[in-house]
Amino acid sequence: MSSSERVGEKAKEAMSPRAARARLEEQLGKLDITDEEATPLILDDRDEVANQKWMLAGKVLHRSVFHIQTIAEFATQRDRERVWEGSPWHVSNNAVILSEFEDCMKPSELKFDRLSLWARVLNLPFNLRDKKWWKPIAQQIDKQAEEVQFDHVGGYLRARVTINVANPS
């Protein structure tokens, strides 16, 4: 066999996937990793005290295929709580659903399934307008309803409730 034939044979052997894989495994087996390289790198850029952020995520509830999602960062916790407690918010008569959010969360972890709003119970009978009945009546709408008021001028009960947007009944 001539030298050119041997070179051609080696080229064919090197090009076969099985031979290339075997050669690569052999080469990788000879690598040495230092202790520094073997130490796992842990990335944690959260500084709980110095860089505390106050954030909420919001999604506009609309019938269209397009949904607008946004993240708002607030300067203080007070600002964030004011927005959270001030809901329901809306954009062009479309509800904005707010969600608790931390900067280390993945977008898939955000839940936009609950909407907090004020419900009115109109034409309430006089015997149920006593304060002891307000909370039990509101809890018929939402079991966790806590904030309940009675508007004596308008004659209706007003309760802060949270509803499931997929099944609002």
N, C-alpha and C. Protein backbone atom coordinates (compact mmCIF):
# COMPACT_ATOMS: atom_id res chain seq x y z
N MET A 1 0.85 -1.16 0.00
CA MET A 1 0.00 0.00 0.00
C MET A 1 0.90 1.23 0.00
N SER A 2 0.59 2.16 -0.88
CA SER A 2 1.40 3.37 -0.99
C SER A 2 1.04 4.34 0.13
N SER A 3 1.90 5.35 0.32
CA SER A 3 1.67 6.33 1.38
C SER A 3 0.42 7.16 1.12
N SER A 4 0.10 7.45 -0.13
CA SER A 4 -1.10 8.22 -0.44
C SER A 4 -2.35 7.41 -0.13
N GLU A 5 -2.27 6.08 -0.32
CA GLU A 5 -3.42 5.24 0.01
C GLU A 5 -3.64 5.20 1.52
N ARG A 6 -2.51 5.17 2.30
CA ARG A 6 -2.63 5.17 3.75
C ARG A 6 -3.25 6.48 4.25
N VAL A 7 -2.86 7.60 3.67
CA VAL A 7 -3.44 8.89 4.05
C VAL A 7 -4.93 8.91 3.75
N GLY A 8 -5.33 8.38 2.60
CA GLY A 8 -6.74 8.31 2.23
C GLY A 8 -7.53 7.43 3.18
N GLU A 9 -6.94 6.30 3.60
CA GLU A 9 -7.59 5.40 4.56
C GLU A 9 -7.78 6.10 5.91
N LYS A 10 -6.73 6.82 6.38
CA LYS A 10 -6.83 7.53 7.66
C LYS A 10 -7.89 8.62 7.60
N ALA A 11 -7.98 9.30 6.47
CA ALA A 11 -8.98 10.36 6.32
C ALA A 11 -10.38 9.77 6.40
N LYS A 12 -10.59 8.60 5.74
CA LYS A 12 -11.91 7.95 5.79
C LYS A 12 -12.23 7.53 7.22
N GLU A 13 -11.21 6.96 7.91
CA GLU A 13 -11.41 6.52 9.28
C GLU A 13 -11.74 7.69 10.20
N ALA A 14 -11.04 8.82 10.04
CA ALA A 14 -11.27 10.00 10.87
C ALA A 14 -12.63 10.62 10.59
N MET A 15 -13.15 10.45 9.40
CA MET A 15 -14.43 11.06 9.05
C MET A 15 -15.63 10.24 9.50
N SER A 16 -15.44 8.97 9.80
CA SER A 16 -16.60 8.18 10.23
C SER A 16 -17.04 8.67 11.61
N PRO A 17 -18.33 8.81 11.83
CA PRO A 17 -18.82 9.33 13.10
C PRO A 17 -18.40 8.49 14.30
N ARG A 18 -18.39 7.19 14.14
CA ARG A 18 -18.02 6.32 15.25
C ARG A 18 -16.57 6.54 15.66
N ALA A 19 -15.69 6.63 14.66
CA ALA A 19 -14.28 6.84 14.95
C ALA A 19 -14.04 8.23 15.54
N ALA A 20 -14.74 9.23 15.02
CA ALA A 20 -14.58 10.59 15.53
C ALA A 20 -15.02 10.66 16.99
N ARG A 21 -16.10 9.98 17.31
CA ARG A 21 -16.59 9.98 18.70
C ARG A 21 -15.61 9.27 19.63
N ALA A 22 -15.08 8.14 19.17
CA ALA A 22 -14.12 7.40 19.99
C ALA A 22 -12.88 8.23 20.24
N ARG A 23 -12.41 8.91 19.21
CA ARG A 23 -11.22 9.74 19.36
C ARG A 23 -11.49 10.91 20.32
N LEU A 24 -12.65 11.53 20.21
CA LEU A 24 -13.02 12.64 21.09
C LEU A 24 -13.10 12.17 22.55
N GLU A 25 -13.72 11.01 22.77
CA GLU A 25 -13.81 10.48 24.13
C GLU A 25 -12.43 10.20 24.71
N GLU A 26 -11.55 9.70 23.86
CA GLU A 26 -10.18 9.42 24.30
C GLU A 26 -9.47 10.71 24.69
N GLN A 27 -9.63 11.75 23.86
CA GLN A 27 -9.01 13.04 24.14
C GLN A 27 -9.58 13.67 25.42
N LEU A 28 -10.90 13.60 25.59
CA LEU A 28 -11.53 14.17 26.78
C LEU A 28 -11.12 13.44 28.05
N GLY A 29 -10.87 12.15 27.94
CA GLY A 29 -10.44 11.37 29.09
C GLY A 29 -9.08 11.79 29.60
N LYS A 30 -8.29 12.44 28.77
CA LYS A 30 -6.95 12.87 29.16
C LYS A 30 -6.94 14.26 29.80
N LEU A 31 -8.09 14.93 29.82
CA LEU A 31 -8.15 16.28 30.40
C LEU A 31 -8.07 16.22 31.91
N ASP A 32 -7.37 17.18 32.48
CA ASP A 32 -7.29 17.32 33.93
C ASP A 32 -7.99 18.61 34.32
N ILE A 33 -8.85 18.54 35.33
CA ILE A 33 -9.56 19.72 35.82
C ILE A 33 -8.95 20.10 37.16
N THR A 34 -8.62 21.37 37.29
CA THR A 34 -8.03 21.85 38.55
C THR A 34 -9.11 21.92 39.62
N ASP A 35 -8.69 22.04 40.87
CA ASP A 35 -9.64 22.16 41.97
C ASP A 35 -10.51 23.41 41.82
N GLU A 36 -9.90 24.49 41.35
CA GLU A 36 -10.65 25.73 41.15
C GLU A 36 -11.72 25.55 40.09
N GLU A 37 -11.38 24.85 39.00
CA GLU A 37 -12.35 24.61 37.93
C GLU A 37 -13.45 23.65 38.37
N ALA A 38 -13.13 22.74 39.28
CA ALA A 38 -14.10 21.75 39.75
C ALA A 38 -15.07 22.34 40.77
N THR A 39 -14.72 23.47 41.37
CA THR A 39 -15.59 24.11 42.35
C THR A 39 -16.79 24.73 41.64
N PRO A 40 -18.03 24.37 42.05
CA PRO A 40 -19.20 24.95 41.37
C PRO A 40 -19.30 26.45 41.61
N LEU A 41 -19.78 27.15 40.60
CA LEU A 41 -19.98 28.59 40.69
C LEU A 41 -21.42 28.84 41.12
N ILE A 42 -21.59 29.53 42.23
CA ILE A 42 -22.93 29.83 42.74
C ILE A 42 -23.17 31.32 42.53
N LEU A 43 -24.19 31.61 41.73
CA LEU A 43 -24.54 33.00 41.45
C LEU A 43 -25.75 33.38 42.27
N ASP A 44 -25.59 34.32 43.15
CA ASP A 44 -26.69 34.84 43.94
C ASP A 44 -26.46 36.33 44.09
N ASP A 45 -27.10 37.09 43.21
CA ASP A 45 -26.88 38.54 43.22
C ASP A 45 -27.89 39.26 44.10
N ARG A 46 -28.67 38.52 44.86
CA ARG A 46 -29.66 39.16 45.71
C ARG A 46 -29.02 39.64 46.99
N ASP A 47 -29.08 40.91 47.23
CA ASP A 47 -28.65 41.49 48.49
C ASP A 47 -29.93 41.95 49.17
N GLU A 48 -30.36 41.19 50.15
CA GLU A 48 -31.68 41.38 50.74
C GLU A 48 -31.91 42.77 51.32
N VAL A 49 -30.89 43.39 51.85
CA VAL A 49 -31.08 44.68 52.52
C VAL A 49 -30.81 45.85 51.58
N ALA A 50 -29.66 45.85 50.92
CA ALA A 50 -29.24 47.01 50.15
C ALA A 50 -30.06 47.22 48.88
N ASN A 51 -30.40 46.14 48.19
CA ASN A 51 -31.06 46.28 46.89
C ASN A 51 -32.50 45.80 46.92
N GLN A 52 -33.21 46.03 47.99
CA GLN A 52 -34.58 45.56 48.08
C GLN A 52 -35.43 46.32 47.08
N LYS A 53 -36.21 45.56 46.29
CA LYS A 53 -37.05 46.16 45.27
C LYS A 53 -38.51 45.87 45.61
N TRP A 54 -39.35 46.78 45.25
CA TRP A 54 -40.78 46.62 45.48
C TRP A 54 -41.43 46.55 44.11
N MET A 55 -41.89 45.35 43.73
CA MET A 55 -42.38 45.15 42.37
C MET A 55 -43.73 44.46 42.34
N LEU A 56 -44.46 44.72 41.28
CA LEU A 56 -45.71 44.03 40.96
C LEU A 56 -45.68 43.73 39.48
N ALA A 57 -46.29 42.64 39.09
CA ALA A 57 -46.47 42.32 37.68
C ALA A 57 -47.94 42.52 37.37
N GLY A 58 -48.22 42.98 36.17
CA GLY A 58 -49.60 43.22 35.78
C GLY A 58 -49.88 42.70 34.39
N LYS A 59 -51.13 42.31 34.17
CA LYS A 59 -51.55 41.80 32.86
C LYS A 59 -52.92 42.40 32.57
N VAL A 60 -53.09 42.93 31.37
CA VAL A 60 -54.37 43.50 30.97
C VAL A 60 -55.26 42.36 30.48
N LEU A 61 -56.42 42.22 31.10
CA LEU A 61 -57.37 41.17 30.74
C LEU A 61 -58.21 41.67 29.58
N HIS A 62 -58.05 41.02 28.42
CA HIS A 62 -58.74 41.45 27.21
C HIS A 62 -59.10 40.23 26.39
N ARG A 63 -60.17 40.33 25.62
CA ARG A 63 -60.60 39.19 24.81
C ARG A 63 -59.67 38.89 23.64
N SER A 64 -58.88 39.84 23.23
CA SER A 64 -58.02 39.64 22.06
C SER A 64 -56.94 38.61 22.34
N VAL A 65 -56.30 38.17 21.29
CA VAL A 65 -55.22 37.19 21.40
C VAL A 65 -54.02 37.80 22.13
N PHE A 66 -53.83 39.09 21.96
CA PHE A 66 -52.68 39.77 22.54
C PHE A 66 -52.96 40.16 23.98
N HIS A 67 -52.05 39.82 24.86
CA HIS A 67 -52.16 40.21 26.26
C HIS A 67 -50.94 41.06 26.60
N ILE A 68 -51.17 42.16 27.26
CA ILE A 68 -50.08 43.06 27.63
C ILE A 68 -49.65 42.73 29.04
N GLN A 69 -48.37 42.36 29.20
CA GLN A 69 -47.83 42.10 30.53
C GLN A 69 -46.76 43.14 30.81
N THR A 70 -46.71 43.60 32.04
CA THR A 70 -45.72 44.59 32.42
C THR A 70 -45.28 44.36 33.85
N ILE A 71 -44.13 44.88 34.17
CA ILE A 71 -43.61 44.79 35.54
C ILE A 71 -43.34 46.21 36.00
N ALA A 72 -43.83 46.54 37.18
CA ALA A 72 -43.62 47.87 37.73
C ALA A 72 -42.74 47.76 38.97
N GLU A 73 -41.75 48.63 39.03
CA GLU A 73 -40.87 48.69 40.20
C GLU A 73 -41.15 49.99 40.93
N PHE A 74 -41.33 49.91 42.24
CA PHE A 74 -41.68 51.06 43.05
C PHE A 74 -40.51 51.47 43.92
N ALA A 75 -40.45 52.75 44.22
CA ALA A 75 -39.36 53.28 45.05
C ALA A 75 -39.48 52.83 46.50
N THR A 76 -40.71 52.71 46.98
CA THR A 76 -40.91 52.33 48.38
C THR A 76 -41.98 51.24 48.48
N GLN A 77 -41.96 50.56 49.60
CA GLN A 77 -42.97 49.54 49.85
C GLN A 77 -44.35 50.19 49.96
N ARG A 78 -44.40 51.38 50.50
CA ARG A 78 -45.67 52.09 50.65
C ARG A 78 -46.33 52.33 49.28
N ASP A 79 -45.52 52.75 48.29
CA ASP A 79 -46.05 52.97 46.94
C ASP A 79 -46.61 51.67 46.36
N ARG A 80 -45.86 50.59 46.54
CA ARG A 80 -46.28 49.29 46.01
C ARG A 80 -47.60 48.86 46.66
N GLU A 81 -47.68 48.99 47.99
CA GLU A 81 -48.89 48.59 48.70
C GLU A 81 -50.08 49.44 48.30
N ARG A 82 -49.84 50.71 48.04
CA ARG A 82 -50.93 51.59 47.62
C ARG A 82 -51.52 51.14 46.29
N VAL A 83 -50.66 50.76 45.36
CA VAL A 83 -51.13 50.25 44.07
C VAL A 83 -51.84 48.91 44.26
N TRP A 84 -51.25 48.02 45.06
CA TRP A 84 -51.83 46.69 45.29
C TRP A 84 -53.22 46.80 45.93
N GLU A 85 -53.33 47.64 46.95
CA GLU A 85 -54.60 47.78 47.66
C GLU A 85 -55.60 48.64 46.91
N GLY A 86 -55.14 49.42 45.95
CA GLY A 86 -56.02 50.30 45.20
C GLY A 86 -56.70 49.64 44.02
N SER A 87 -56.40 48.37 43.76
CA SER A 87 -57.01 47.71 42.62
C SER A 87 -58.51 47.52 42.89
N PRO A 88 -59.36 47.45 41.93
CA PRO A 88 -59.01 47.09 40.56
C PRO A 88 -58.58 48.29 39.72
N TRP A 89 -57.60 48.05 38.88
CA TRP A 89 -57.13 49.03 37.92
C TRP A 89 -57.61 48.61 36.55
N HIS A 90 -57.70 49.57 35.64
CA HIS A 90 -58.11 49.22 34.28
C HIS A 90 -57.42 50.12 33.27
N VAL A 91 -57.33 49.60 32.05
CA VAL A 91 -56.78 50.34 30.91
C VAL A 91 -57.81 50.22 29.80
N SER A 92 -58.36 51.33 29.36
CA SER A 92 -59.39 51.35 28.31
C SER A 92 -60.52 50.37 28.63
N ASN A 93 -61.01 50.41 29.85
CA ASN A 93 -62.10 49.55 30.33
C ASN A 93 -61.76 48.06 30.33
N ASN A 94 -60.48 47.71 30.30
CA ASN A 94 -60.03 46.33 30.42
C ASN A 94 -59.32 46.19 31.77
N ALA A 95 -59.71 45.17 32.53
CA ALA A 95 -59.16 44.98 33.87
C ALA A 95 -57.67 44.68 33.82
N VAL A 96 -56.93 45.19 34.80
CA VAL A 96 -55.51 44.88 34.97
C VAL A 96 -55.40 43.96 36.18
N ILE A 97 -54.90 42.76 35.95
CA ILE A 97 -54.72 41.79 37.03
C ILE A 97 -53.31 41.94 37.56
N LEU A 98 -53.18 42.13 38.87
CA LEU A 98 -51.87 42.28 39.49
C LEU A 98 -51.44 40.95 40.11
N SER A 99 -50.13 40.74 40.15
CA SER A 99 -49.58 39.52 40.72
C SER A 99 -48.36 39.86 41.56
N GLU A 100 -48.21 39.16 42.68
CA GLU A 100 -47.00 39.32 43.50
C GLU A 100 -45.82 38.88 42.65
N PHE A 101 -44.68 39.57 42.79
CA PHE A 101 -43.56 39.32 41.90
C PHE A 101 -42.25 39.58 42.61
N GLU A 102 -41.27 38.71 42.37
CA GLU A 102 -39.91 38.92 42.84
C GLU A 102 -38.99 38.80 41.63
N ASP A 103 -37.88 39.53 41.64
CA ASP A 103 -37.03 39.57 40.46
C ASP A 103 -36.37 38.24 40.13
N CYS A 104 -36.35 37.29 41.05
CA CYS A 104 -35.74 35.99 40.77
C CYS A 104 -36.74 35.00 40.18
N MET A 105 -37.98 35.42 39.98
CA MET A 105 -39.00 34.52 39.44
C MET A 105 -38.88 34.40 37.93
N LYS A 106 -39.35 33.26 37.42
CA LYS A 106 -39.44 33.04 35.97
C LYS A 106 -40.80 33.57 35.51
N PRO A 107 -40.90 34.03 34.26
CA PRO A 107 -42.20 34.50 33.77
C PRO A 107 -43.29 33.43 33.88
N SER A 108 -42.93 32.16 33.72
CA SER A 108 -43.93 31.09 33.80
C SER A 108 -44.48 30.92 35.22
N GLU A 109 -43.81 31.46 36.21
CA GLU A 109 -44.27 31.33 37.60
C GLU A 109 -45.30 32.39 37.98
N LEU A 110 -45.47 33.41 37.15
CA LEU A 110 -46.45 34.45 37.44
C LEU A 110 -47.86 33.90 37.24
N LYS A 111 -48.73 34.19 38.17
CA LYS A 111 -50.12 33.73 38.09
C LYS A 111 -51.03 34.95 37.94
N PHE A 112 -51.78 34.97 36.85
CA PHE A 112 -52.74 36.05 36.61
C PHE A 112 -54.14 35.43 36.59
N ASP A 113 -54.51 34.78 37.68
CA ASP A 113 -55.79 34.08 37.70
C ASP A 113 -56.79 34.66 38.70
N ARG A 114 -56.39 35.64 39.51
CA ARG A 114 -57.26 36.21 40.53
C ARG A 114 -57.34 37.73 40.35
N LEU A 115 -58.54 38.25 40.49
CA LEU A 115 -58.77 39.69 40.38
C LEU A 115 -59.44 40.17 41.66
N SER A 116 -58.82 41.16 42.28
CA SER A 116 -59.37 41.74 43.50
C SER A 116 -60.22 42.95 43.13
N LEU A 117 -61.44 43.00 43.65
CA LEU A 117 -62.34 44.11 43.31
C LEU A 117 -63.32 44.35 44.45
N TRP A 118 -64.08 45.43 44.31
CA TRP A 118 -65.11 45.76 45.28
C TRP A 118 -66.45 45.26 44.74
N ALA A 119 -67.18 44.52 45.57
CA ALA A 119 -68.51 44.03 45.19
C ALA A 119 -69.55 44.77 46.02
N ARG A 120 -70.67 45.06 45.40
CA ARG A 120 -71.78 45.71 46.10
C ARG A 120 -72.93 44.73 46.24
N VAL A 121 -73.53 44.74 47.41
CA VAL A 121 -74.76 43.98 47.63
C VAL A 121 -75.86 45.02 47.77
N LEU A 122 -76.69 45.11 46.73
CA LEU A 122 -77.74 46.12 46.67
C LEU A 122 -79.03 45.62 47.30
N ASN A 123 -79.87 46.56 47.70
CA ASN A 123 -81.21 46.27 48.20
C ASN A 123 -81.19 45.28 49.35
N LEU A 124 -80.27 45.48 50.26
CA LEU A 124 -80.11 44.61 51.43
C LEU A 124 -81.27 44.85 52.39
N PRO A 125 -81.95 43.80 52.85
CA PRO A 125 -83.07 43.98 53.80
C PRO A 125 -82.60 44.70 55.06
N PHE A 126 -83.49 45.43 55.68
CA PHE A 126 -83.14 46.24 56.85
C PHE A 126 -82.59 45.40 58.00
N ASN A 127 -83.10 44.20 58.18
CA ASN A 127 -82.64 43.38 59.31
C ASN A 127 -81.22 42.84 59.10
N LEU A 128 -80.66 42.93 57.88
CA LEU A 128 -79.30 42.47 57.60
C LEU A 128 -78.30 43.62 57.48
N ARG A 129 -78.74 44.83 57.79
CA ARG A 129 -77.85 45.99 57.70
C ARG A 129 -77.05 46.21 58.98
N ASP A 130 -77.22 45.36 59.95
CA ASP A 130 -76.47 45.43 61.19
C ASP A 130 -75.04 44.93 60.94
N LYS A 131 -74.07 45.51 61.62
CA LYS A 131 -72.65 45.20 61.40
C LYS A 131 -72.31 43.71 61.54
N LYS A 132 -73.01 43.01 62.42
CA LYS A 132 -72.70 41.59 62.64
C LYS A 132 -72.97 40.74 61.40
N TRP A 133 -73.79 41.23 60.47
CA TRP A 133 -74.13 40.47 59.26
C TRP A 133 -73.22 40.79 58.08
N TRP A 134 -72.50 41.89 58.12
CA TRP A 134 -71.73 42.33 56.95
C TRP A 134 -70.73 41.28 56.48
N LYS A 135 -69.91 40.82 57.40
CA LYS A 135 -68.86 39.86 57.02
C LYS A 135 -69.43 38.52 56.55
N PRO A 136 -70.41 37.93 57.26
CA PRO A 136 -70.98 36.68 56.75
C PRO A 136 -71.61 36.81 55.36
N ILE A 137 -72.22 37.96 55.09
CA ILE A 137 -72.80 38.18 53.75
C ILE A 137 -71.69 38.28 52.71
N ALA A 138 -70.63 39.03 53.01
CA ALA A 138 -69.51 39.18 52.07
C ALA A 138 -68.82 37.84 51.83
N GLN A 139 -68.76 37.00 52.85
CA GLN A 139 -68.10 35.71 52.69
C GLN A 139 -68.93 34.72 51.88
N GLN A 140 -70.16 35.07 51.57
CA GLN A 140 -70.93 34.28 50.61
C GLN A 140 -70.39 34.48 49.20
N ILE A 141 -69.77 35.64 48.95
CA ILE A 141 -69.16 35.93 47.65
C ILE A 141 -67.74 35.39 47.61
N ASP A 142 -66.98 35.65 48.68
CA ASP A 142 -65.58 35.23 48.77
C ASP A 142 -65.30 34.81 50.21
N LYS A 143 -64.90 33.57 50.40
CA LYS A 143 -64.67 33.03 51.75
C LYS A 143 -63.61 33.81 52.52
N GLN A 144 -62.65 34.45 51.81
CA GLN A 144 -61.59 35.21 52.48
C GLN A 144 -61.90 36.70 52.58
N ALA A 145 -63.10 37.12 52.28
CA ALA A 145 -63.46 38.54 52.34
C ALA A 145 -63.27 39.07 53.75
N GLU A 146 -62.50 40.13 53.88
CA GLU A 146 -62.22 40.71 55.20
C GLU A 146 -62.69 42.16 55.28
N GLU A 147 -62.43 42.92 54.25
CA GLU A 147 -62.73 44.35 54.27
C GLU A 147 -64.18 44.56 53.81
N VAL A 148 -65.04 44.92 54.75
CA VAL A 148 -66.47 45.07 54.47
C VAL A 148 -66.94 46.39 55.06
N GLN A 149 -67.74 47.13 54.28
CA GLN A 149 -68.28 48.41 54.72
C GLN A 149 -69.75 48.49 54.32
N PHE A 150 -70.48 49.32 55.01
CA PHE A 150 -71.86 49.57 54.61
C PHE A 150 -72.01 51.04 54.29
N ASP A 151 -72.53 51.33 53.12
CA ASP A 151 -72.78 52.71 52.71
C ASP A 151 -74.22 53.04 53.09
N HIS A 152 -74.37 53.81 54.17
CA HIS A 152 -75.71 54.13 54.66
C HIS A 152 -76.44 55.10 53.73
N VAL A 153 -75.72 55.93 53.02
CA VAL A 153 -76.35 56.87 52.09
C VAL A 153 -76.89 56.11 50.87
N GLY A 154 -76.05 55.25 50.29
CA GLY A 154 -76.47 54.48 49.11
C GLY A 154 -77.30 53.26 49.46
N GLY A 155 -77.19 52.80 50.71
CA GLY A 155 -77.98 51.65 51.15
C GLY A 155 -77.45 50.32 50.64
N TYR A 156 -76.16 50.21 50.44
CA TYR A 156 -75.61 48.94 49.95
C TYR A 156 -74.40 48.53 50.78
N LEU A 157 -74.12 47.23 50.76
CA LEU A 157 -72.96 46.66 51.41
C LEU A 157 -71.83 46.62 50.39
N ARG A 158 -70.65 46.99 50.81
CA ARG A 158 -69.48 47.04 49.92
C ARG A 158 -68.42 46.13 50.52
N ALA A 159 -67.91 45.16 49.72
CA ALA A 159 -66.93 44.20 50.23
C ALA A 159 -65.80 44.02 49.23
N ARG A 160 -64.60 43.90 49.78
CA ARG A 160 -63.40 43.64 48.97
C ARG A 160 -63.32 42.13 48.77
N VAL A 161 -63.45 41.67 47.52
CA VAL A 161 -63.44 40.24 47.23
C VAL A 161 -62.42 39.94 46.14
N THR A 162 -62.02 38.70 46.07
CA THR A 162 -61.11 38.23 45.03
C THR A 162 -61.83 37.15 44.26
N ILE A 163 -61.83 37.28 42.93
CA ILE A 163 -62.52 36.30 42.10
C ILE A 163 -61.54 35.60 41.17
N ASN A 164 -61.90 34.39 40.79
CA ASN A 164 -61.13 33.63 39.81
C ASN A 164 -61.56 34.12 38.43
N VAL A 165 -60.64 34.63 37.61
CA VAL A 165 -61.02 35.21 36.32
C VAL A 165 -61.46 34.15 35.33
N ALA A 166 -61.03 32.90 35.50
CA ALA A 166 -61.45 31.83 34.60
C ALA A 166 -62.89 31.40 34.88
N ASN A 167 -63.31 31.52 36.15
CA ASN A 167 -64.65 31.14 36.55
C ASN A 167 -65.17 32.17 37.55
N PRO A 168 -65.66 33.32 37.07
CA PRO A 168 -66.02 34.41 37.98
C PRO A 168 -67.27 34.18 38.82
N SER A 169 -68.00 33.12 38.61
CA SER A 169 -69.25 32.92 39.36
C SER A 169 -69.04 32.59 40.81
